[in-house]
Amino acid sequence: MSYAVKNLAQGSRELIAFRIGDQEFCVNIMSVREIRGWTPATPMPHAPPYVMGIINLRGAVLPIVDLSARLGMQEAEPSARHVIIVAQVKSRIVGLLVEAVSDILTITEENIQPVPEISSDLEKQYARGILAIDKRMICMIELDALFPEKESEAA
């Protein structure tokens, strides 16, 4: 039996890793619909500060969220190098602005370390664990927790 088949049989899952600043984060690959290049967004009045605006995605209106700002980090200054991860968050599709997609990871539950107790309450809400892989520390994000129902309606 190959390693990949053995891993899948043991309940592994795939995550997509991406960079924001000098930090790496990851989300479940099953929530990702596509990855596309940066497209300037049309600002929306009265949107939350982390919502950059909207774009037209093949005829559908797609809200673009600055994931850096949503995570409480410095707001992004989008460039041609940035990418938008189009993801399913609960019943909505949103675009997540990140600096770059870095990896696709196959992990098992044993790879996931608990979030440190010194983390902020906001971080504990959305962080599902820390992956220590190849000298990298990657924070696993739960998108549904990052965008509560009331706020996703505002977007």
C-alpha atoms as a PDB file:
ATOM      1  CA  MET A   1       0.000   0.000   0.000  1.00  0.00           C
ATOM      2  CA  SER A   2       1.405   3.390  -0.945  1.00  0.00           C
ATOM      3  CA  TYR A   3       1.998   6.078   1.693  1.00  0.00           C
ATOM      4  CA  ALA A   4      -0.645   8.401   0.187  1.00  0.00           C
ATOM      5  CA  VAL A   5      -3.333   5.691   0.169  1.00  0.00           C
ATOM      6  CA  LYS A   6      -2.370   4.646   3.709  1.00  0.00           C
ATOM      7  CA  ASN A   7      -2.593   8.281   4.848  1.00  0.00           C
ATOM      8  CA  LEU A   8      -6.021   8.803   3.308  1.00  0.00           C
ATOM      9  CA  ALA A   9      -7.248   5.595   4.927  1.00  0.00           C
ATOM     10  CA  GLN A  10      -6.154   6.930   8.344  1.00  0.00           C
ATOM     11  CA  GLY A  11      -8.397   9.985   8.092  1.00  0.00           C
ATOM     12  CA  SER A  12      -5.996  12.551   6.733  1.00  0.00           C
ATOM     13  CA  ARG A  13      -7.169  15.799   5.225  1.00  0.00           C
ATOM     14  CA  GLU A  14      -5.807  18.308   2.788  1.00  0.00           C
ATOM     15  CA  LEU A  15      -5.239  21.952   3.609  1.00  0.00           C
ATOM     16  CA  ILE A  16      -4.177  24.846   1.435  1.00  0.00           C
ATOM     17  CA  ALA A  17      -1.435  26.997   2.985  1.00  0.00           C
ATOM     18  CA  PHE A  18      -0.956  30.695   2.217  1.00  0.00           C
ATOM     19  CA  ARG A  19       1.132  33.640   3.373  1.00  0.00           C
ATOM     20  CA  ILE A  20       0.080  36.917   4.934  1.00  0.00           C
ATOM     21  CA  GLY A  21       3.121  39.027   5.795  1.00  0.00           C
ATOM     22  CA  ASP A  22       5.724  36.732   7.297  1.00  0.00           C
ATOM     23  CA  GLN A  23       3.146  34.303   8.705  1.00  0.00           C
ATOM     24  CA  GLU A  24       1.598  31.203   7.196  1.00  0.00           C
ATOM     25  CA  PHE A  25      -2.001  30.093   7.598  1.00  0.00           C
ATOM     26  CA  CYS A  26      -4.034  27.249   6.144  1.00  0.00           C
ATOM     27  CA  VAL A  27      -7.671  26.353   5.521  1.00  0.00           C
ATOM     28  CA  ASN A  28      -9.460  23.162   4.574  1.00  0.00           C
ATOM     29  CA  ILE A  29      -9.025  22.664   0.832  1.00  0.00           C
ATOM     30  CA  MET A  30     -12.649  21.495   0.577  1.00  0.00           C
ATOM     31  CA  SER A  31     -13.828  25.068   1.234  1.00  0.00           C
ATOM     32  CA  VAL A  32     -11.673  26.469  -1.620  1.00  0.00           C
ATOM     33  CA  ARG A  33     -13.430  26.869  -4.974  1.00  0.00           C
ATOM     34  CA  GLU A  34     -10.612  28.493  -6.949  1.00  0.00           C
ATOM     35  CA  ILE A  35      -7.501  30.655  -6.714  1.00  0.00           C
ATOM     36  CA  ARG A  36      -7.222  33.676  -8.968  1.00  0.00           C
ATOM     37  CA  GLY A  37      -5.013  36.694  -9.453  1.00  0.00           C
ATOM     38  CA  TRP A  38      -5.700  40.046  -7.820  1.00  0.00           C
ATOM     39  CA  THR A  39      -8.447  42.112  -9.405  1.00  0.00           C
ATOM     40  CA  PRO A  40      -9.186  45.614  -8.068  1.00  0.00           C
ATOM     41  CA  ALA A  41     -12.424  45.655  -6.094  1.00  0.00           C
ATOM     42  CA  THR A  42     -15.203  48.226  -6.220  1.00  0.00           C
ATOM     43  CA  PRO A  43     -15.615  49.694  -2.702  1.00  0.00           C
ATOM     44  CA  MET A  44     -18.968  49.244  -0.964  1.00  0.00           C
ATOM     45  CA  PRO A  45     -20.406  51.930   1.330  1.00  0.00           C
ATOM     46  CA  HIS A  46     -20.925  50.925   4.988  1.00  0.00           C
ATOM     47  CA  ALA A  47     -19.007  47.655   4.569  1.00  0.00           C
ATOM     48  CA  PRO A  48     -16.914  46.377   7.495  1.00  0.00           C
ATOM     49  CA  PRO A  49     -13.334  47.761   7.387  1.00  0.00           C
ATOM     50  CA  TYR A  50     -11.865  44.417   6.286  1.00  0.00           C
ATOM     51  CA  VAL A  51     -14.176  44.176   3.231  1.00  0.00           C
ATOM     52  CA  MET A  52     -12.246  45.716   0.339  1.00  0.00           C
ATOM     53  CA  GLY A  53     -15.238  45.749  -1.980  1.00  0.00           C
ATOM     54  CA  ILE A  54     -16.757  43.529  -4.644  1.00  0.00           C
ATOM     55  CA  ILE A  55     -15.706  42.086  -7.992  1.00  0.00           C
ATOM     56  CA  ASN A  56     -17.605  40.493 -10.848  1.00  0.00           C
ATOM     57  CA  LEU A  57     -16.775  36.778 -10.938  1.00  0.00           C
ATOM     58  CA  ARG A  58     -18.315  35.379 -14.120  1.00  0.00           C
ATOM     59  CA  GLY A  59     -21.528  37.324 -13.563  1.00  0.00           C
ATOM     60  CA  ALA A  60     -21.709  36.816  -9.787  1.00  0.00           C
ATOM     61  CA  VAL A  61     -20.969  39.534  -7.227  1.00  0.00           C
ATOM     62  CA  LEU A  62     -18.087  38.382  -5.019  1.00  0.00           C
ATOM     63  CA  PRO A  63     -17.157  40.273  -1.824  1.00  0.00           C
ATOM     64  CA  ILE A  64     -13.378  40.562  -1.334  1.00  0.00           C
ATOM     65  CA  VAL A  65     -12.110  40.326   2.245  1.00  0.00           C
ATOM     66  CA  ASP A  66      -8.648  41.533   3.232  1.00  0.00           C
ATOM     67  CA  LEU A  67      -7.765  38.481   5.329  1.00  0.00           C
ATOM     68  CA  SER A  68      -4.826  40.332   6.871  1.00  0.00           C
ATOM     69  CA  ALA A  69      -7.135  43.054   8.229  1.00  0.00           C
ATOM     70  CA  ARG A  70      -9.741  40.477   9.295  1.00  0.00           C
ATOM     71  CA  LEU A  71      -7.089  38.677  11.347  1.00  0.00           C
ATOM     72  CA  GLY A  72      -6.169  41.939  13.108  1.00  0.00           C
ATOM     73  CA  MET A  73      -2.937  42.423  11.189  1.00  0.00           C
ATOM     74  CA  GLN A  74      -1.834  45.352   9.016  1.00  0.00           C
ATOM     75  CA  GLU A  75      -4.132  46.044   6.063  1.00  0.00           C
ATOM     76  CA  ALA A  76      -2.873  44.673   2.767  1.00  0.00           C
ATOM     77  CA  GLU A  77      -1.737  46.893  -0.049  1.00  0.00           C
ATOM     78  CA  PRO A  78      -2.738  44.680  -2.988  1.00  0.00           C
ATOM     79  CA  SER A  79      -0.355  44.227  -5.887  1.00  0.00           C
ATOM     80  CA  ALA A  80      -0.205  41.988  -8.949  1.00  0.00           C
ATOM     81  CA  ARG A  81       1.520  39.369  -6.754  1.00  0.00           C
ATOM     82  CA  HIS A  82      -1.471  39.006  -4.398  1.00  0.00           C
ATOM     83  CA  VAL A  83      -4.059  36.296  -4.997  1.00  0.00           C
ATOM     84  CA  ILE A  84      -7.710  35.831  -4.167  1.00  0.00           C
ATOM     85  CA  ILE A  85      -8.789  32.517  -2.689  1.00  0.00           C
ATOM     86  CA  VAL A  86     -12.433  32.035  -3.624  1.00  0.00           C
ATOM     87  CA  ALA A  87     -13.896  30.064  -0.725  1.00  0.00           C
ATOM     88  CA  GLN A  88     -17.210  28.763   0.577  1.00  0.00           C
ATOM     89  CA  VAL A  89     -17.963  30.221   4.022  1.00  0.00           C
ATOM     90  CA  LYS A  90     -21.184  28.730   5.350  1.00  0.00           C
ATOM     91  CA  SER A  91     -23.735  29.432   2.599  1.00  0.00           C
ATOM     92  CA  ARG A  92     -21.756  32.254   0.946  1.00  0.00           C
ATOM     93  CA  ILE A  93     -18.880  32.494  -1.492  1.00  0.00           C
ATOM     94  CA  VAL A  94     -16.225  35.090  -0.576  1.00  0.00           C
ATOM     95  CA  GLY A  95     -12.851  36.117  -1.961  1.00  0.00           C
ATOM     96  CA  LEU A  96      -9.979  36.121   0.518  1.00  0.00           C
ATOM     97  CA  LEU A  97      -7.075  38.405  -0.360  1.00  0.00           C
ATOM     98  CA  VAL A  98      -3.723  36.827   0.606  1.00  0.00           C
ATOM     99  CA  GLU A  99      -0.130  37.449  -0.455  1.00  0.00           C
ATOM    100  CA  ALA A 100       0.528  34.033  -1.957  1.00  0.00           C
ATOM    101  CA  VAL A 101      -0.570  30.416  -1.829  1.00  0.00           C
ATOM    102  CA  SER A 102       2.433  28.428  -0.636  1.00  0.00           C
ATOM    103  CA  ASP A 103       1.499  24.757  -0.371  1.00  0.00           C
ATOM    104  CA  ILE A 104      -1.057  21.982  -0.305  1.00  0.00           C
ATOM    105  CA  LEU A 105      -0.616  19.955   2.879  1.00  0.00           C
ATOM    106  CA  THR A 106      -1.853  16.456   3.685  1.00  0.00           C
ATOM    107  CA  ILE A 107      -2.125  16.097   7.442  1.00  0.00           C
ATOM    108  CA  THR A 108      -3.585  13.840  10.099  1.00  0.00           C
ATOM    109  CA  GLU A 109      -4.914  14.806  13.521  1.00  0.00           C
ATOM    110  CA  GLU A 110      -1.512  13.958  15.062  1.00  0.00           C
ATOM    111  CA  ASN A 111       0.047  16.849  13.082  1.00  0.00           C
ATOM    112  CA  ILE A 112      -2.208  19.430  14.746  1.00  0.00           C
ATOM    113  CA  GLN A 113      -0.924  21.066  17.939  1.00  0.00           C
ATOM    114  CA  PRO A 114      -3.318  22.986  20.224  1.00  0.00           C
ATOM    115  CA  VAL A 115      -3.452  26.787  20.042  1.00  0.00           C
ATOM    116  CA  PRO A 116      -1.256  28.201  22.860  1.00  0.00           C
ATOM    117  CA  GLU A 117      -3.079  29.479  25.944  1.00  0.00           C
ATOM    118  CA  ILE A 118      -1.476  32.914  25.550  1.00  0.00           C
ATOM    119  CA  SER A 119      -3.470  33.541  22.358  1.00  0.00           C
ATOM    120  CA  SER A 120      -6.065  36.305  22.224  1.00  0.00           C
ATOM    121  CA  ASP A 121      -9.778  35.527  22.433  1.00  0.00           C
ATOM    122  CA  LEU A 122     -10.196  36.481  18.760  1.00  0.00           C
ATOM    123  CA  GLU A 123      -7.424  34.082  17.791  1.00  0.00           C
ATOM    124  CA  LYS A 124      -8.991  31.274  19.821  1.00  0.00           C
ATOM    125  CA  GLN A 125     -12.271  31.830  17.942  1.00  0.00           C
ATOM    126  CA  TYR A 126     -10.865  31.113  14.484  1.00  0.00           C
ATOM    127  CA  ALA A 127      -7.597  29.202  15.074  1.00  0.00           C
ATOM    128  CA  ARG A 128      -8.191  25.441  15.129  1.00  0.00           C
ATOM    129  CA  GLY A 129      -4.584  24.459  15.729  1.00  0.00           C
ATOM    130  CA  ILE A 130      -0.954  24.952  14.821  1.00  0.00           C
ATOM    131  CA  LEU A 131       0.966  22.787  12.374  1.00  0.00           C
ATOM    132  CA  ALA A 132       4.706  22.459  12.915  1.00  0.00           C
ATOM    133  CA  ILE A 133       5.924  21.161   9.548  1.00  0.00           C
ATOM    134  CA  ASP A 134       9.493  21.389   8.197  1.00  0.00           C
ATOM    135  CA  LYS A 135      10.505  24.193  10.595  1.00  0.00           C
ATOM    136  CA  ARG A 136       7.356  26.133   9.624  1.00  0.00           C
ATOM    137  CA  MET A 137       4.600  27.182  12.013  1.00  0.00           C
ATOM    138  CA  ILE A 138       1.257  27.263  10.199  1.00  0.00           C
ATOM    139  CA  CYS A 139      -1.942  28.435  11.882  1.00  0.00           C
ATOM    140  CA  MET A 140      -5.001  26.414  10.859  1.00  0.00           C
ATOM    141  CA  ILE A 141      -8.021  28.714  10.370  1.00  0.00           C
ATOM    142  CA  GLU A 142     -11.691  27.768  10.553  1.00  0.00           C
ATOM    143  CA  LEU A 143     -13.362  30.087   8.020  1.00  0.00           C
ATOM    144  CA  ASP A 144     -16.871  29.588   9.421  1.00  0.00           C
ATOM    145  CA  ALA A 145     -15.649  30.874  12.809  1.00  0.00           C
ATOM    146  CA  LEU A 146     -13.820  33.816  11.214  1.00  0.00           C
ATOM    147  CA  PHE A 147     -17.003  35.116   9.587  1.00  0.00           C
ATOM    148  CA  PRO A 148     -19.943  34.876  12.012  1.00  0.00           C
ATOM    149  CA  GLU A 149     -23.370  34.845  10.351  1.00  0.00           C
ATOM    150  CA  LYS A 150     -24.211  38.513  11.134  1.00  0.00           C
ATOM    151  CA  GLU A 151     -20.903  39.751   9.733  1.00  0.00           C
ATOM    152  CA  SER A 152     -21.031  37.613   6.585  1.00  0.00           C
ATOM    153  CA  GLU A 153     -24.425  39.163   5.812  1.00  0.00           C
ATOM    154  CA  ALA A 154     -22.832  42.616   6.129  1.00  0.00           C
ATOM    155  CA  ALA A 155     -20.247  41.620   3.530  1.00  0.00           C
END
